[in-house]
Amino acid sequence: MLNYMTVIIVVPVKGRLLHYGGKCMSKYAVIVVDMLNDFVTGALACERGKAIVPAVAELCNAARESGIPVIFSNDCHIKGVDKELEFWGDHAIAGTKGAEVIPELNVCDSDFIVPKRHYSGFSEPT
């Protein structure tokens, strides 16, 4: 059973290089979804999320050392606006500590942080 926190390794992108913000990146990327303070130790803490932290940190470090981009797709809600908060309660509110990537993952300047206000980071633009 998958957790709402998931780490995805993206395989080659049809032989093309990824482009993001004017940067040309490798054909591979590590995408880390919702490994945030509120989901690991905060408002919606999850034991399974805590259990995978060392492996996710190791994967992120190995990717960076190999020149593979690390992309964080993170919940980033607006209080009083986002309907998801009515169901789950306040969590990952933009600008709060709870909406930050857990410190164990050591976000670097070379990483990409992509906020999302919906369940999917791949649909419904923020």
PDB file of N, CA and C in Angstrom:
ATOM      1  N   MET A   1       0.844  -1.186   0.000  1.00  0.00           N
ATOM      2  CA  MET A   1       0.000   0.000   0.000  1.00  0.00           C
ATOM      3  C   MET A   1       0.887   1.246   0.000  1.00  0.00           C
ATOM      4  N   LEU A   2       0.627   2.135  -0.918  1.00  0.00           N
ATOM      5  CA  LEU A   2       1.429   3.347  -1.002  1.00  0.00           C
ATOM      6  C   LEU A   2       0.975   4.360   0.031  1.00  0.00           C
ATOM      7  N   ASN A   3       1.916   5.076   0.499  1.00  0.00           N
ATOM      8  CA  ASN A   3       1.717   6.161   1.432  1.00  0.00           C
ATOM      9  C   ASN A   3       1.397   7.420   0.635  1.00  0.00           C
ATOM     10  N   TYR A   4       0.865   8.450   1.262  1.00  0.00           N
ATOM     11  CA  TYR A   4       0.696   9.700   0.526  1.00  0.00           C
ATOM     12  C   TYR A   4       2.032  10.370   0.306  1.00  0.00           C
ATOM     13  N   MET A   5       3.068   9.936   1.023  1.00  0.00           N
ATOM     14  CA  MET A   5       4.435  10.398   0.781  1.00  0.00           C
ATOM     15  C   MET A   5       5.096   9.358  -0.103  1.00  0.00           C
ATOM     16  N   THR A   6       5.597   9.746  -1.209  1.00  0.00           N
ATOM     17  CA  THR A   6       6.176   8.783  -2.125  1.00  0.00           C
ATOM     18  C   THR A   6       7.430   9.357  -2.749  1.00  0.00           C
ATOM     19  N   VAL A   7       8.388   8.487  -2.978  1.00  0.00           N
ATOM     20  CA  VAL A   7       9.578   8.885  -3.715  1.00  0.00           C
ATOM     21  C   VAL A   7       9.496   8.200  -5.065  1.00  0.00           C
ATOM     22  N   ILE A   8       9.688   8.943  -6.112  1.00  0.00           N
ATOM     23  CA  ILE A   8       9.593   8.411  -7.462  1.00  0.00           C
ATOM     24  C   ILE A   8      10.918   8.636  -8.160  1.00  0.00           C
ATOM     25  N   ILE A   9      11.424   7.607  -8.804  1.00  0.00           N
ATOM     26  CA  ILE A   9      12.594   7.782  -9.657  1.00  0.00           C
ATOM     27  C   ILE A   9      12.080   7.808 -11.086  1.00  0.00           C
ATOM     28  N   VAL A  10      12.312   8.900 -11.768  1.00  0.00           N
ATOM     29  CA  VAL A  10      11.851   9.030 -13.142  1.00  0.00           C
ATOM     30  C   VAL A  10      12.907   8.454 -14.070  1.00  0.00           C
ATOM     31  N   VAL A  11      12.496   7.578 -14.950  1.00  0.00           N
ATOM     32  CA  VAL A  11      13.397   6.944 -15.906  1.00  0.00           C
ATOM     33  C   VAL A  11      13.595   7.840 -17.119  1.00  0.00           C
ATOM     34  N   PRO A  12      14.393   7.445 -18.100  1.00  0.00           N
ATOM     35  CA  PRO A  12      14.671   8.338 -19.235  1.00  0.00           C
ATOM     36  C   PRO A  12      13.407   8.955 -19.832  1.00  0.00           C
ATOM     37  N   VAL A  13      13.530  10.195 -20.208  1.00  0.00           N
ATOM     38  CA  VAL A  13      12.405  10.930 -20.779  1.00  0.00           C
ATOM     39  C   VAL A  13      12.514  10.876 -22.298  1.00  0.00           C
ATOM     40  N   LYS A  14      12.179   9.734 -22.853  1.00  0.00           N
ATOM     41  CA  LYS A  14      12.170   9.532 -24.307  1.00  0.00           C
ATOM     42  C   LYS A  14      13.413  10.078 -24.994  1.00  0.00           C
ATOM     43  N   GLY A  15      14.560   9.867 -24.364  1.00  0.00           N
ATOM     44  CA  GLY A  15      15.815  10.253 -24.981  1.00  0.00           C
ATOM     45  C   GLY A  15      16.083  11.749 -25.012  1.00  0.00           C
ATOM     46  N   ARG A  16      15.208  12.554 -24.435  1.00  0.00           N
ATOM     47  CA  ARG A  16      15.394  14.004 -24.429  1.00  0.00           C
ATOM     48  C   ARG A  16      15.908  14.458 -23.081  1.00  0.00           C
ATOM     49  N   LEU A  17      16.495  15.607 -23.069  1.00  0.00           N
ATOM     50  CA  LEU A  17      16.922  16.198 -21.813  1.00  0.00           C
ATOM     51  C   LEU A  17      15.778  17.019 -21.239  1.00  0.00           C
ATOM     52  N   LEU A  18      15.666  17.021 -19.932  1.00  0.00           N
ATOM     53  CA  LEU A  18      14.654  17.833 -19.272  1.00  0.00           C
ATOM     54  C   LEU A  18      15.100  19.282 -19.256  1.00  0.00           C
ATOM     55  N   HIS A  19      14.173  20.187 -19.416  1.00  0.00           N
ATOM     56  CA  HIS A  19      14.453  21.619 -19.329  1.00  0.00           C
ATOM     57  C   HIS A  19      13.560  22.192 -18.248  1.00  0.00           C
ATOM     58  N   TYR A  20      14.132  22.963 -17.350  1.00  0.00           N
ATOM     59  CA  TYR A  20      13.358  23.576 -16.274  1.00  0.00           C
ATOM     60  C   TYR A  20      13.989  24.911 -15.953  1.00  0.00           C
ATOM     61  N   GLY A  21      13.215  25.948 -16.032  1.00  0.00           N
ATOM     62  CA  GLY A  21      13.704  27.285 -15.694  1.00  0.00           C
ATOM     63  C   GLY A  21      14.926  27.685 -16.504  1.00  0.00           C
ATOM     64  N   GLY A  22      14.978  27.269 -17.772  1.00  0.00           N
ATOM     65  CA  GLY A  22      16.102  27.627 -18.621  1.00  0.00           C
ATOM     66  C   GLY A  22      17.322  26.744 -18.433  1.00  0.00           C
ATOM     67  N   LYS A  23      17.259  25.788 -17.487  1.00  0.00           N
ATOM     68  CA  LYS A  23      18.384  24.878 -17.263  1.00  0.00           C
ATOM     69  C   LYS A  23      18.160  23.583 -18.028  1.00  0.00           C
ATOM     70  N   CYS A  24      19.215  23.075 -18.588  1.00  0.00           N
ATOM     71  CA  CYS A  24      19.166  21.788 -19.253  1.00  0.00           C
ATOM     72  C   CYS A  24      19.631  20.743 -18.242  1.00  0.00           C
ATOM     73  N   MET A  25      18.781  19.776 -17.954  1.00  0.00           N
ATOM     74  CA  MET A  25      19.098  18.779 -16.945  1.00  0.00           C
ATOM     75  C   MET A  25      19.300  17.414 -17.597  1.00  0.00           C
ATOM     76  N   SER A  26      19.665  16.444 -16.787  1.00  0.00           N
ATOM     77  CA  SER A  26      19.875  15.094 -17.282  1.00  0.00           C
ATOM     78  C   SER A  26      18.555  14.467 -17.714  1.00  0.00           C
ATOM     79  N   LYS A  27      18.656  13.274 -18.290  1.00  0.00           N
ATOM     80  CA  LYS A  27      17.473  12.545 -18.705  1.00  0.00           C
ATOM     81  C   LYS A  27      16.806  11.834 -17.536  1.00  0.00           C
ATOM     82  N   TYR A  28      17.368  11.938 -16.357  1.00  0.00           N
ATOM     83  CA  TYR A  28      16.837  11.285 -15.171  1.00  0.00           C
ATOM     84  C   TYR A  28      16.582  12.327 -14.093  1.00  0.00           C
ATOM     85  N   ALA A  29      15.710  11.993 -13.168  1.00  0.00           N
ATOM     86  CA  ALA A  29      15.472  12.871 -12.026  1.00  0.00           C
ATOM     87  C   ALA A  29      14.934  12.027 -10.878  1.00  0.00           C
ATOM     88  N   VAL A  30      15.146  12.509  -9.696  1.00  0.00           N
ATOM     89  CA  VAL A  30      14.504  11.927  -8.517  1.00  0.00           C
ATOM     90  C   VAL A  30      13.443  12.924  -8.086  1.00  0.00           C
ATOM     91  N   ILE A  31      12.212  12.450  -7.971  1.00  0.00           N
ATOM     92  CA  ILE A  31      11.117  13.304  -7.536  1.00  0.00           C
ATOM     93  C   ILE A  31      10.668  12.815  -6.163  1.00  0.00           C
ATOM     94  N   VAL A  32      10.719  13.711  -5.215  1.00  0.00           N
ATOM     95  CA  VAL A  32      10.326  13.401  -3.840  1.00  0.00           C
ATOM     96  C   VAL A  32       9.032  14.149  -3.554  1.00  0.00           C
ATOM     97  N   VAL A  33       8.004  13.406  -3.160  1.00  0.00           N
ATOM     98  CA  VAL A  33       6.678  13.994  -2.985  1.00  0.00           C
ATOM     99  C   VAL A  33       6.311  14.069  -1.500  1.00  0.00           C
ATOM    100  N   ASP A  34       6.032  15.281  -1.033  1.00  0.00           N
ATOM    101  CA  ASP A  34       5.452  15.538   0.285  1.00  0.00           C
ATOM    102  C   ASP A  34       6.247  15.013   1.476  1.00  0.00           C
ATOM    103  N   MET A  35       7.556  15.051   1.399  1.00  0.00           N
ATOM    104  CA  MET A  35       8.374  14.694   2.565  1.00  0.00           C
ATOM    105  C   MET A  35       8.571  15.969   3.385  1.00  0.00           C
ATOM    106  N   LEU A  36       7.475  16.418   3.983  1.00  0.00           N
ATOM    107  CA  LEU A  36       7.419  17.696   4.697  1.00  0.00           C
ATOM    108  C   LEU A  36       7.330  17.475   6.198  1.00  0.00           C
ATOM    109  N   ASN A  37       7.716  18.488   6.948  1.00  0.00           N
ATOM    110  CA  ASN A  37       7.640  18.412   8.407  1.00  0.00           C
ATOM    111  C   ASN A  37       6.246  17.992   8.882  1.00  0.00           C
ATOM    112  N   ASP A  38       5.196  18.576   8.339  1.00  0.00           N
ATOM    113  CA  ASP A  38       3.846  18.230   8.787  1.00  0.00           C
ATOM    114  C   ASP A  38       3.478  16.779   8.506  1.00  0.00           C
ATOM    115  N   PHE A  39       4.048  16.158   7.482  1.00  0.00           N
ATOM    116  CA  PHE A  39       3.706  14.781   7.149  1.00  0.00           C
ATOM    117  C   PHE A  39       4.601  13.756   7.841  1.00  0.00           C
ATOM    118  N   VAL A  40       5.773  14.169   8.260  1.00  0.00           N
ATOM    119  CA  VAL A  40       6.699  13.219   8.887  1.00  0.00           C
ATOM    120  C   VAL A  40       6.646  13.316  10.413  1.00  0.00           C
ATOM    121  N   THR A  41       6.627  14.536  10.949  1.00  0.00           N
ATOM    122  CA  THR A  41       6.644  14.686  12.409  1.00  0.00           C
ATOM    123  C   THR A  41       5.565  15.631  12.926  1.00  0.00           C
ATOM    124  N   GLY A  42       4.797  16.249  12.044  1.00  0.00           N
ATOM    125  CA  GLY A  42       3.877  17.307  12.467  1.00  0.00           C
ATOM    126  C   GLY A  42       2.416  16.920  12.457  1.00  0.00           C
ATOM    127  N   ALA A  43       1.585  17.820  11.961  1.00  0.00           N
ATOM    128  CA  ALA A  43       0.124  17.719  12.031  1.00  0.00           C
ATOM    129  C   ALA A  43      -0.427  16.397  11.496  1.00  0.00           C
ATOM    130  N   LEU A  44       0.143  15.865  10.446  1.00  0.00           N
ATOM    131  CA  LEU A  44      -0.319  14.601   9.848  1.00  0.00           C
ATOM    132  C   LEU A  44       0.811  13.569   9.844  1.00  0.00           C
ATOM    133  N   ALA A  45       1.544  13.489  10.949  1.00  0.00           N
ATOM    134  CA  ALA A  45       2.706  12.593  11.052  1.00  0.00           C
ATOM    135  C   ALA A  45       2.339  11.164  10.675  1.00  0.00           C
ATOM    136  N   CYS A  46       3.284  10.501  10.040  1.00  0.00           N
ATOM    137  CA  CYS A  46       3.074   9.142   9.538  1.00  0.00           C
ATOM    138  C   CYS A  46       4.295   8.294   9.878  1.00  0.00           C
ATOM    139  N   GLU A  47       4.089   7.204  10.586  1.00  0.00           N
ATOM    140  CA  GLU A  47       5.210   6.332  10.969  1.00  0.00           C
ATOM    141  C   GLU A  47       5.914   5.759   9.743  1.00  0.00           C
ATOM    142  N   ARG A  48       5.168   5.414   8.706  1.00  0.00           N
ATOM    143  CA  ARG A  48       5.798   4.875   7.492  1.00  0.00           C
ATOM    144  C   ARG A  48       6.659   5.933   6.820  1.00  0.00           C
ATOM    145  N   GLY A  49       6.255   7.190   6.940  1.00  0.00           N
ATOM    146  CA  GLY A  49       7.065   8.272   6.400  1.00  0.00           C
ATOM    147  C   GLY A  49       8.378   8.394   7.139  1.00  0.00           C
ATOM    148  N   LYS A  50       8.325   8.297   8.465  1.00  0.00           N
ATOM    149  CA  LYS A  50       9.549   8.354   9.273  1.00  0.00           C
ATOM    150  C   LYS A  50      10.488   7.219   8.916  1.00  0.00           C
ATOM    151  N   ALA A  51       9.924   6.050   8.660  1.00  0.00           N
ATOM    152  CA  ALA A  51      10.734   4.859   8.402  1.00  0.00           C
ATOM    153  C   ALA A  51      11.555   4.963   7.120  1.00  0.00           C
ATOM    154  N   ILE A  52      11.073   5.716   6.133  1.00  0.00           N
ATOM    155  CA  ILE A  52      11.798   5.775   4.856  1.00  0.00           C
ATOM    156  C   ILE A  52      12.772   6.942   4.758  1.00  0.00           C
ATOM    157  N   VAL A  53      12.820   7.793   5.780  1.00  0.00           N
ATOM    158  CA  VAL A  53      13.683   8.979   5.728  1.00  0.00           C
ATOM    159  C   VAL A  53      15.142   8.641   5.403  1.00  0.00           C
ATOM    160  N   PRO A  54      15.779   7.676   6.089  1.00  0.00           N
ATOM    161  CA  PRO A  54      17.195   7.393   5.766  1.00  0.00           C
ATOM    162  C   PRO A  54      17.405   6.967   4.310  1.00  0.00           C
ATOM    163  N   ALA A  55      16.521   6.148   3.787  1.00  0.00           N
ATOM    164  CA  ALA A  55      16.667   5.687   2.402  1.00  0.00           C
ATOM    165  C   ALA A  55      16.452   6.831   1.413  1.00  0.00           C
ATOM    166  N   VAL A  56      15.488   7.700   1.693  1.00  0.00           N
ATOM    167  CA  VAL A  56      15.232   8.837   0.809  1.00  0.00           C
ATOM    168  C   VAL A  56      16.419   9.796   0.832  1.00  0.00           C
ATOM    169  N   ALA A  57      16.967  10.033   2.018  1.00  0.00           N
ATOM    170  CA  ALA A  57      18.135  10.924   2.124  1.00  0.00           C
ATOM    171  C   ALA A  57      19.311  10.342   1.346  1.00  0.00           C
ATOM    172  N   GLU A  58      19.517   9.046   1.459  1.00  0.00           N
ATOM    173  CA  GLU A  58      20.614   8.395   0.728  1.00  0.00           C
ATOM    174  C   GLU A  58      20.404   8.506  -0.776  1.00  0.00           C
ATOM    175  N   LEU A  59      19.182   8.296  -1.235  1.00  0.00           N
ATOM    176  CA  LEU A  59      18.870   8.409  -2.657  1.00  0.00           C
ATOM    177  C   LEU A  59      19.112   9.828  -3.162  1.00  0.00           C
ATOM    178  N   CYS A  60      18.660  10.822  -2.407  1.00  0.00           N
ATOM    179  CA  CYS A  60      18.847  12.223  -2.815  1.00  0.00           C
ATOM    180  C   CYS A  60      20.331  12.568  -2.894  1.00  0.00           C
ATOM    181  N   ASN A  61      21.102  12.158  -1.902  1.00  0.00           N
ATOM    182  CA  ASN A  61      22.546  12.444  -1.907  1.00  0.00           C
ATOM    183  C   ASN A  61      23.244  11.767  -3.070  1.00  0.00           C
ATOM    184  N   ALA A  62      22.897  10.510  -3.341  1.00  0.00           N
ATOM    185  CA  ALA A  62      23.506   9.789  -4.461  1.00  0.00           C
ATOM    186  C   ALA A  62      23.153  10.453  -5.789  1.00  0.00           C
ATOM    187  N   ALA A  63      21.903  10.893  -5.922  1.00  0.00           N
ATOM    188  CA  ALA A  63      21.484  11.572  -7.159  1.00  0.00           C
ATOM    189  C   ALA A  63      22.286  12.852  -7.356  1.00  0.00           C
ATOM    190  N   ARG A  64      22.399  13.645  -6.305  1.00  0.00           N
ATOM    191  CA  ARG A  64      23.153  14.906  -6.418  1.00  0.00           C
ATOM    192  C   ARG A  64      24.603  14.641  -6.806  1.00  0.00           C
ATOM    193  N   GLU A  65      25.212  13.650  -6.180  1.00  0.00           N
ATOM    194  CA  GLU A  65      26.614  13.319  -6.481  1.00  0.00           C
ATOM    195  C   GLU A  65      26.784  12.866  -7.925  1.00  0.00           C
ATOM    196  N   SER A  66      25.733  12.314  -8.505  1.00  0.00           N
ATOM    197  CA  SER A  66      25.784  11.835  -9.893  1.00  0.00           C
ATOM    198  C   SER A  66      25.293  12.876 -10.890  1.00  0.00           C
ATOM    199  N   GLY A  67      24.960  14.057 -10.403  1.00  0.00           N
ATOM    200  CA  GLY A  67      24.477  15.111 -11.296  1.00  0.00           C
ATOM    201  C   GLY A  67      23.024  14.934 -11.710  1.00  0.00           C
ATOM    202  N   ILE A  68      22.287  14.094 -10.998  1.00  0.00           N
ATOM    203  CA  ILE A  68      20.876  13.868 -11.299  1.00  0.00           C
ATOM    204  C   ILE A  68      20.048  14.855 -10.475  1.00  0.00           C
ATOM    205  N   PRO A  69      19.146  15.582 -11.104  1.00  0.00           N
ATOM    206  CA  PRO A  69      18.347  16.573 -10.379  1.00  0.00           C
ATOM    207  C   PRO A  69      17.443  15.932  -9.330  1.00  0.00           C
ATOM    208  N   VAL A  70      17.277  16.622  -8.231  1.00  0.00           N
ATOM    209  CA  VAL A  70      16.334  16.227  -7.188  1.00  0.00           C
ATOM    210  C   VAL A  70      15.230  17.281  -7.185  1.00  0.00           C
ATOM    211  N   ILE A  71      14.009  16.806  -7.337  1.00  0.00           N
ATOM    212  CA  ILE A  71      12.851  17.691  -7.434  1.00  0.00           C
ATOM    213  C   ILE A  71      11.900  17.350  -6.296  1.00  0.00           C
ATOM    214  N   PHE A  72      11.554  18.346  -5.502  1.00  0.00           N
ATOM    215  CA  PHE A  72      10.609  18.158  -4.403  1.00  0.00           C
ATOM    216  C   PHE A  72       9.258  18.715  -4.830  1.00  0.00           C
ATOM    217  N   SER A  73       8.237  17.866  -4.863  1.00  0.00           N
ATOM    218  CA  SER A  73       6.867  18.279  -5.157  1.00  0.00           C
ATOM    219  C   SER A  73       6.140  18.311  -3.819  1.00  0.00           C
ATOM    220  N   ASN A  74       5.812  19.513  -3.346  1.00  0.00           N
ATOM    221  CA  ASN A  74       5.354  19.693  -1.975  1.00  0.00           C
ATOM    222  C   ASN A  74       3.973  20.320  -1.867  1.00  0.00           C
ATOM    223  N   ASP A  75       3.158  19.752  -0.963  1.00  0.00           N
ATOM    224  CA  ASP A  75       1.938  20.434  -0.567  1.00  0.00           C
ATOM    225  C   ASP A  75       2.305  21.836  -0.091  1.00  0.00           C
ATOM    226  N   CYS A  76       1.500  22.804  -0.446  1.00  0.00           N
ATOM    227  CA  CYS A  76       1.741  24.197  -0.043  1.00  0.00           C
ATOM    228  C   CYS A  76       0.399  24.917  -0.102  1.00  0.00           C
ATOM    229  N   HIS A  77      -0.351  24.811   0.983  1.00  0.00           N
ATOM    230  CA  HIS A  77      -1.735  25.279   0.984  1.00  0.00           C
ATOM    231  C   HIS A  77      -1.892  26.722   1.442  1.00  0.00           C
ATOM    232  N   ILE A  78      -3.021  27.291   1.042  1.00  0.00           N
ATOM    233  CA  ILE A  78      -3.396  28.631   1.473  1.00  0.00           C
ATOM    234  C   ILE A  78      -4.600  28.484   2.396  1.00  0.00           C
ATOM    235  N   LYS A  79      -4.410  28.865   3.649  1.00  0.00           N
ATOM    236  CA  LYS A  79      -5.459  28.742   4.651  1.00  0.00           C
ATOM    237  C   LYS A  79      -6.669  29.572   4.243  1.00  0.00           C
ATOM    238  N   GLY A  80      -7.848  28.977   4.393  1.00  0.00           N
ATOM    239  CA  GLY A  80      -9.082  29.660   4.044  1.00  0.00           C
ATOM    240  C   GLY A  80      -9.444  29.594   2.573  1.00  0.00           C
ATOM    241  N   VAL A  81      -8.549  29.021   1.756  1.00  0.00           N
ATOM    242  CA  VAL A  81      -8.789  28.945   0.318  1.00  0.00           C
ATOM    243  C   VAL A  81      -8.853  27.491  -0.153  1.00  0.00           C
ATOM    244  N   ASP A  82      -7.886  26.685   0.235  1.00  0.00           N
ATOM    245  CA  ASP A  82      -7.769  25.318  -0.283  1.00  0.00           C
ATOM    246  C   ASP A  82      -8.766  24.373   0.387  1.00  0.00           C
ATOM    247  N   LYS A  83      -9.608  23.761  -0.425  1.00  0.00           N
ATOM    248  CA  LYS A  83     -10.659  22.857   0.057  1.00  0.00           C
ATOM    249  C   LYS A  83     -10.090  21.624   0.768  1.00  0.00           C
ATOM    250  N   GLU A  84      -8.904  21.187   0.381  1.00  0.00           N
ATOM    251  CA  GLU A  84      -8.291  20.008   0.998  1.00  0.00           C
ATOM    252  C   GLU A  84      -8.163  20.180   2.516  1.00  0.00           C
ATOM    253  N   LEU A  85      -7.972  21.404   2.963  1.00  0.00           N
ATOM    254  CA  LEU A  85      -7.811  21.674   4.393  1.00  0.00           C
ATOM    255  C   LEU A  85      -9.100  21.412   5.174  1.00  0.00           C
ATOM    256  N   GLU A  86     -10.247  21.501   4.504  1.00  0.00           N
ATOM    257  CA  GLU A  86     -11.512  21.207   5.169  1.00  0.00           C
ATOM    258  C   GLU A  86     -11.590  19.737   5.556  1.00  0.00           C
ATOM    259  N   PHE A  87     -11.001  18.883   4.756  1.00  0.00           N
ATOM    260  CA  PHE A  87     -11.030  17.441   5.012  1.00  0.00           C
ATOM    261  C   PHE A  87      -9.910  17.008   5.959  1.00  0.00           C
ATOM    262  N   TRP A  88      -8.677  17.441   5.684  1.00  0.00           N
ATOM    263  CA  TRP A  88      -7.504  16.994   6.431  1.00  0.00           C
ATOM    264  C   TRP A  88      -7.128  17.902   7.596  1.00  0.00           C
ATOM    265  N   GLY A  89      -7.712  19.057   7.687  1.00  0.00           N
ATOM    266  CA  GLY A  89      -7.300  20.024   8.700  1.00  0.00           C
ATOM    267  C   GLY A  89      -6.075  20.784   8.208  1.00  0.00           C
ATOM    268  N   ASP A  90      -5.668  21.774   8.989  1.00  0.00           N
ATOM    269  CA  ASP A  90      -4.526  22.597   8.590  1.00  0.00           C
ATOM    270  C   ASP A  90      -3.250  21.769   8.542  1.00  0.00           C
ATOM    271  N   HIS A  91      -2.569  21.864   7.428  1.00  0.00           N
ATOM    272  CA  HIS A  91      -1.270  21.208   7.245  1.00  0.00           C
ATOM    273  C   HIS A  91      -0.569  21.871   6.061  1.00  0.00           C
ATOM    274  N   ALA A  92       0.735  21.861   6.091  1.00  0.00           N
ATOM    275  CA  ALA A  92       1.552  22.379   4.990  1.00  0.00           C
ATOM    276  C   ALA A  92       1.057  23.742   4.507  1.00  0.00           C
ATOM    277  N   ILE A  93       0.829  24.634   5.443  1.00  0.00           N
ATOM    278  CA  ILE A  93       0.373  25.980   5.107  1.00  0.00           C
ATOM    279  C   ILE A  93       1.575  26.781   4.592  1.00  0.00           C
ATOM    280  N   ALA A  94       1.422  27.390   3.428  1.00  0.00           N
ATOM    281  CA  ALA A  94       2.508  28.155   2.794  1.00  0.00           C
ATOM    282  C   ALA A  94       3.157  29.099   3.804  1.00  0.00           C
ATOM    283  N   GLY A  95       4.487  29.058   3.837  1.00  0.00           N
ATOM    284  CA  GLY A  95       5.246  29.954   4.702  1.00  0.00           C
ATOM    285  C   GLY A  95       5.477  29.447   6.112  1.00  0.00           C
ATOM    286  N   THR A  96       4.946  28.255   6.436  1.00  0.00           N
ATOM    287  CA  THR A  96       5.142  27.712   7.779  1.00  0.00           C
ATOM    288  C   THR A  96       6.225  26.636   7.777  1.00  0.00           C
ATOM    289  N   LYS A  97       6.728  26.331   8.960  1.00  0.00           N
ATOM    290  CA  LYS A  97       7.728  25.269   9.124  1.00  0.00           C
ATOM    291  C   LYS A  97       7.156  23.919   8.658  1.00  0.00           C
ATOM    292  N   GLY A  98       5.872  23.707   8.894  1.00  0.00           N
ATOM    293  CA  GLY A  98       5.237  22.451   8.498  1.00  0.00           C
ATOM    294  C   GLY A  98       5.252  22.206   7.002  1.00  0.00           C
ATOM    295  N   ALA A  99       5.341  23.263   6.201  1.00  0.00           N
ATOM    296  CA  ALA A  99       5.348  23.138   4.739  1.00  0.00           C
ATOM    297  C   ALA A  99       6.755  22.998   4.173  1.00  0.00           C
ATOM    298  N   GLU A 100       7.761  22.927   5.047  1.00  0.00           N
ATOM    299  CA  GLU A 100       9.150  22.783   4.581  1.00  0.00           C
ATOM    300  C   GLU A 100       9.550  21.321   4.493  1.00  0.00           C
ATOM    301  N   VAL A 101      10.453  21.027   3.558  1.00  0.00           N
ATOM    302  CA  VAL A 101      11.021  19.685   3.427  1.00  0.00           C
ATOM    303  C   VAL A 101      11.759  19.352   4.728  1.00  0.00           C
ATOM    304  N   ILE A 102      11.645  18.102   5.182  1.00  0.00           N
ATOM    305  CA  ILE A 102      12.297  17.709   6.427  1.00  0.00           C
ATOM    306  C   ILE A 102      13.800  17.956   6.340  1.00  0.00           C
ATOM    307  N   PRO A 103      14.406  18.378   7.438  1.00  0.00           N
ATOM    308  CA  PRO A 103      15.832  18.751   7.398  1.00  0.00           C
ATOM    309  C   PRO A 103      16.765  17.605   7.035  1.00  0.00           C
ATOM    310  N   GLU A 104      16.355  16.375   7.310  1.00  0.00           N
ATOM    311  CA  GLU A 104      17.206  15.218   6.997  1.00  0.00           C
ATOM    312  C   GLU A 104      17.497  15.071   5.508  1.00  0.00           C
ATOM    313  N   LEU A 105      16.680  15.687   4.666  1.00  0.00           N
ATOM    314  CA  LEU A 105      16.882  15.570   3.217  1.00  0.00           C
ATOM    315  C   LEU A 105      17.806  16.652   2.671  1.00  0.00           C
ATOM    316  N   ASN A 106      18.240  17.569   3.509  1.00  0.00           N
ATOM    317  CA  ASN A 106      19.263  18.556   3.146  1.00  0.00           C
ATOM    318  C   ASN A 106      19.035  19.202   1.779  1.00  0.00           C
ATOM    319  N   VAL A 107      17.926  19.919   1.647  1.00  0.00           N
ATOM    320  CA  VAL A 107      17.650  20.598   0.372  1.00  0.00           C
ATOM    321  C   VAL A 107      18.837  21.481   0.005  1.00  0.00           C
ATOM    322  N   CYS A 108      19.285  21.362  -1.236  1.00  0.00           N
ATOM    323  CA  CYS A 108      20.451  22.108  -1.735  1.00  0.00           C
ATOM    324  C   CYS A 108      20.009  23.157  -2.756  1.00  0.00           C
ATOM    325  N   ASP A 109      20.907  24.095  -3.034  1.00  0.00           N
ATOM    326  CA  ASP A 109      20.622  25.128  -4.038  1.00  0.00           C
ATOM    327  C   ASP A 109      20.356  24.517  -5.415  1.00  0.00           C
ATOM    328  N   SER A 110      20.923  23.345  -5.672  1.00  0.00           N
ATOM    329  CA  SER A 110      20.743  22.709  -6.980  1.00  0.00           C
ATOM    330  C   SER A 110      19.408  21.986  -7.098  1.00  0.00           C
ATOM    331  N   ASP A 111      18.696  21.807  -5.992  1.00  0.00           N
ATOM    332  CA  ASP A 111      17.412  21.107  -6.007  1.00  0.00           C
ATOM    333  C   ASP A 111      16.305  22.040  -6.500  1.00  0.00           C
ATOM    334  N   PHE A 112      15.218  21.439  -6.912  1.00  0.00           N
ATOM    335  CA  PHE A 112      14.046  22.181  -7.364  1.00  0.00           C
ATOM    336  C   PHE A 112      12.908  21.922  -6.391  1.00  0.00           C
ATOM    337  N   ILE A 113      12.204  22.969  -5.994  1.00  0.00           N
ATOM    338  CA  ILE A 113      11.034  22.820  -5.138  1.00  0.00           C
ATOM    339  C   ILE A 113       9.828  23.296  -5.929  1.00  0.00           C
ATOM    340  N   VAL A 114       8.875  22.379  -6.111  1.00  0.00           N
ATOM    341  CA  VAL A 114       7.682  22.662  -6.897  1.00  0.00           C
ATOM    342  C   VAL A 114       6.467  22.566  -5.967  1.00  0.00           C
ATOM    343  N   PRO A 115       5.887  23.705  -5.594  1.00  0.00           N
ATOM    344  CA  PRO A 115       4.730  23.668  -4.701  1.00  0.00           C
ATOM    345  C   PRO A 115       3.480  23.183  -5.424  1.00  0.00           C
ATOM    346  N   LYS A 116       2.591  22.554  -4.652  1.00  0.00           N
ATOM    347  CA  LYS A 116       1.316  22.111  -5.216  1.00  0.00           C
ATOM    348  C   LYS A 116       0.225  22.355  -4.179  1.00  0.00           C
ATOM    349  N   ARG A 117      -0.951  22.699  -4.645  1.00  0.00           N
ATOM    350  CA  ARG A 117      -2.070  22.947  -3.737  1.00  0.00           C
ATOM    351  C   ARG A 117      -3.130  21.864  -3.866  1.00  0.00           C
ATOM    352  N   HIS A 118      -2.835  20.825  -4.640  1.00  0.00           N
ATOM    353  CA  HIS A 118      -3.761  19.719  -4.856  1.00  0.00           C
ATOM    354  C   HIS A 118      -3.009  18.426  -4.589  1.00  0.00           C
ATOM    355  N   TYR A 119      -3.713  17.314  -4.615  1.00  0.00           N
ATOM    356  CA  TYR A 119      -3.074  16.028  -4.359  1.00  0.00           C
ATOM    357  C   TYR A 119      -1.959  15.734  -5.356  1.00  0.00           C
ATOM    358  N   SER A 120      -2.164  16.047  -6.599  1.00  0.00           N
ATOM    359  CA  SER A 120      -1.180  15.730  -7.630  1.00  0.00           C
ATOM    360  C   SER A 120      -0.323  16.936  -7.969  1.00  0.00           C
ATOM    361  N   GLY A 121       0.966  16.679  -8.141  1.00  0.00           N
ATOM    362  CA  GLY A 121       1.874  17.711  -8.600  1.00  0.00           C
ATOM    363  C   GLY A 121       1.961  17.741 -10.117  1.00  0.00           C
ATOM    364  N   PHE A 122       1.183  16.873 -10.763  1.00  0.00           N
ATOM    365  CA  PHE A 122       1.276  16.727 -12.216  1.00  0.00           C
ATOM    366  C   PHE A 122       0.004  17.144 -12.928  1.00  0.00           C
ATOM    367  N   SER A 123      -0.962  17.621 -12.178  1.00  0.00           N
ATOM    368  CA  SER A 123      -2.196  18.123 -12.788  1.00  0.00           C
ATOM    369  C   SER A 123      -2.678  19.313 -11.959  1.00  0.00           C
ATOM    370  N   GLU A 124      -3.674  19.982 -12.441  1.00  0.00           N
ATOM    371  CA  GLU A 124      -4.249  21.133 -11.755  1.00  0.00           C
ATOM    372  C   GLU A 124      -3.174  22.110 -11.302  1.00  0.00           C
ATOM    373  N   PRO A 125      -2.751  23.006 -12.164  1.00  0.00           N
ATOM    374  CA  PRO A 125      -1.687  23.939 -11.800  1.00  0.00           C
ATOM    375  C   PRO A 125      -2.014  24.726 -10.549  1.00  0.00           C
ATOM    376  N   THR A 126      -0.966  25.031  -9.775  1.00  0.00           N
ATOM    377  CA  THR A 126      -1.140  25.800  -8.549  1.00  0.00           C
ATOM    378  C   THR A 126      -1.394  27.249  -8.858  1.00  0.00           C
TER     379      THR A 126
END
